[in-house]
Protein backbone atom coordinates (compact mmCIF):
# COMPACT_ATOMS: atom_id res chain seq x y z
CA MET A 1 -8.72 2.13 42.98
CA PRO A 2 -9.07 -0.93 40.66
CA SER A 3 -9.97 -4.17 41.86
CA PRO A 4 -7.01 -6.87 42.42
CA THR A 5 -8.63 -9.16 39.89
CA LEU A 6 -8.77 -6.27 37.17
CA ALA A 7 -5.22 -5.35 38.17
CA ARG A 8 -3.95 -9.10 37.77
CA THR A 9 -5.77 -9.13 34.27
CA HIS A 10 -4.26 -5.99 33.09
CA ASP A 11 -0.79 -7.30 34.13
CA TRP A 12 -1.42 -10.72 32.46
CA PHE A 13 -2.56 -9.06 29.26
CA ARG A 14 0.25 -6.59 29.30
CA ASP A 15 2.72 -9.45 29.80
CA TRP A 16 1.31 -11.30 27.24
CA PHE A 17 1.45 -8.68 24.64
CA ARG A 18 5.13 -7.86 25.42
CA ASP A 19 5.99 -11.51 24.99
CA TRP A 20 3.86 -11.98 21.85
CA PHE A 21 5.47 -8.69 20.36
CA ARG A 22 8.86 -9.78 21.48
CA ASP A 23 8.37 -13.21 19.70
CA TYR A 24 6.70 -11.98 16.50
CA GLY A 25 7.53 -8.61 16.01
CA PRO A 26 10.87 -9.05 13.90
CA LEU A 27 8.93 -11.47 11.92
CA ILE A 28 5.97 -8.90 11.24
CA SER A 29 8.63 -6.39 10.62
CA ARG A 30 10.35 -8.60 7.97
CA ILE A 31 6.90 -9.16 6.29
CA LEU A 32 6.32 -5.70 6.15
CA ALA A 33 9.66 -4.81 4.72
CA ALA A 34 9.49 -7.64 2.20
CA LEU A 35 5.91 -6.46 1.14
CA PHE A 36 6.18 -2.78 1.03
CA GLY A 37 9.90 -2.06 0.94
CA GLY A 38 10.31 -4.47 -1.52
CA TYR A 39 7.84 -3.11 -3.74
CA ALA A 40 9.23 0.69 -3.27
CA VAL A 41 12.52 -0.75 -4.36
CA ALA A 42 11.04 -2.56 -7.21
CA ALA A 43 9.20 0.39 -8.51
CA LEU A 44 12.35 2.58 -8.28
CA ALA A 45 14.17 0.42 -10.21
CA SER A 46 11.43 0.05 -13.03
CA VAL A 47 11.51 3.64 -13.35
CA ALA A 48 15.38 4.30 -13.06
CA VAL A 49 15.78 1.89 -15.86
CA LEU A 50 14.26 4.57 -18.15
CA ALA A 51 17.36 6.84 -17.48
CA LEU A 52 19.52 4.54 -19.50
CA PRO A 53 20.34 5.33 -23.09
CA ALA A 54 18.02 2.97 -24.90
CA ASP A 55 14.81 3.08 -26.69
CA ARG A 56 11.95 4.18 -24.46
CA THR A 57 10.04 1.19 -25.33
CA GLN A 58 12.64 -1.40 -24.74
CA ALA A 59 13.63 0.43 -21.59
CA ALA A 60 10.02 0.17 -20.27
CA ILE A 61 10.01 -3.47 -20.89
CA SER A 62 13.28 -3.99 -19.44
CA GLY A 63 12.16 -2.03 -16.45
CA THR A 64 9.02 -4.20 -15.85
CA LEU A 65 11.09 -7.51 -16.44
CA LEU A 66 13.68 -6.16 -14.06
CA SER A 67 10.96 -5.22 -11.20
CA PHE A 68 10.08 -8.88 -10.74
CA ALA A 69 14.03 -9.76 -10.26
CA VAL A 70 14.44 -6.85 -7.87
CA TYR A 71 11.16 -7.64 -6.01
CA ALA A 72 12.31 -11.63 -5.66
CA GLY A 73 15.71 -10.30 -4.67
CA ALA A 74 14.20 -8.00 -1.94
CA VAL A 75 12.12 -10.40 -0.71
CA ILE A 76 15.06 -12.89 -0.33
CA TRP A 77 17.13 -10.36 1.05
CA VAL A 78 14.76 -9.42 3.78
CA PHE A 79 14.52 -12.93 5.19
CA ALA A 80 18.46 -13.89 4.72
CA VAL A 81 19.77 -10.93 6.67
CA ARG A 82 20.44 -11.53 10.38
CA SER A 83 17.91 -8.93 11.88
CA ALA A 84 14.97 -6.95 10.86
CA TRP A 85 16.92 -3.83 11.22
CA ARG A 86 19.38 -4.80 8.75
CA ALA A 87 16.60 -5.78 6.42
CA TRP A 88 15.21 -2.39 6.55
CA ALA A 89 18.67 -0.96 6.28
CA GLY A 90 19.45 -2.79 3.20
CA LEU A 91 16.09 -1.64 1.46
CA LEU A 92 16.74 1.92 2.36
CA VAL A 93 20.48 1.90 0.79
CA ALA A 94 19.05 0.25 -2.42
CA ALA A 95 16.04 3.02 -2.60
CA LEU A 96 18.59 5.80 -2.17
CA VAL A 97 20.90 4.55 -4.74
CA LEU A 98 17.90 4.16 -7.25
CA ALA A 99 16.15 7.52 -6.18
CA PRO A 100 18.31 9.74 -8.15
CA ALA A 101 17.85 8.26 -11.40
CA ALA A 102 14.03 7.69 -10.57
CA TRP A 103 13.77 11.37 -9.80
CA TRP A 104 15.69 12.42 -12.85
CA THR A 105 13.50 10.36 -15.04
CA TRP A 106 10.37 11.74 -13.48
CA GLY A 107 11.58 15.16 -13.93
CA LYS A 108 12.28 14.77 -17.45
CA GLY A 109 8.84 13.49 -17.79
CA LEU A 110 9.99 10.19 -19.24
CA GLY A 111 7.90 7.99 -16.65
CA ALA A 112 4.80 9.19 -18.16
């Protein structure tokens, strides 16, 4: 049987961790959404631009420039919405919209 001091220490740590995660968990989730989700959406947008009927070189340059704007917009979106769940949902919707064009581009070999 654990000692009472050890049990109190464990309870204190569990309560501290639960309170810390409740306070900072949504912020950490938004930061991760901005970093990784924003990057994914920007990458999909830059590849999806190659599906447009334009010169391949011009489309590649446009896709690169567009990716900076999309990434900045994604970061702003993540911190502007009401909850972290909505931030992830918005990024997922954007990725699902861009994914077919990006897959078509990758399937055609235009991305290489």
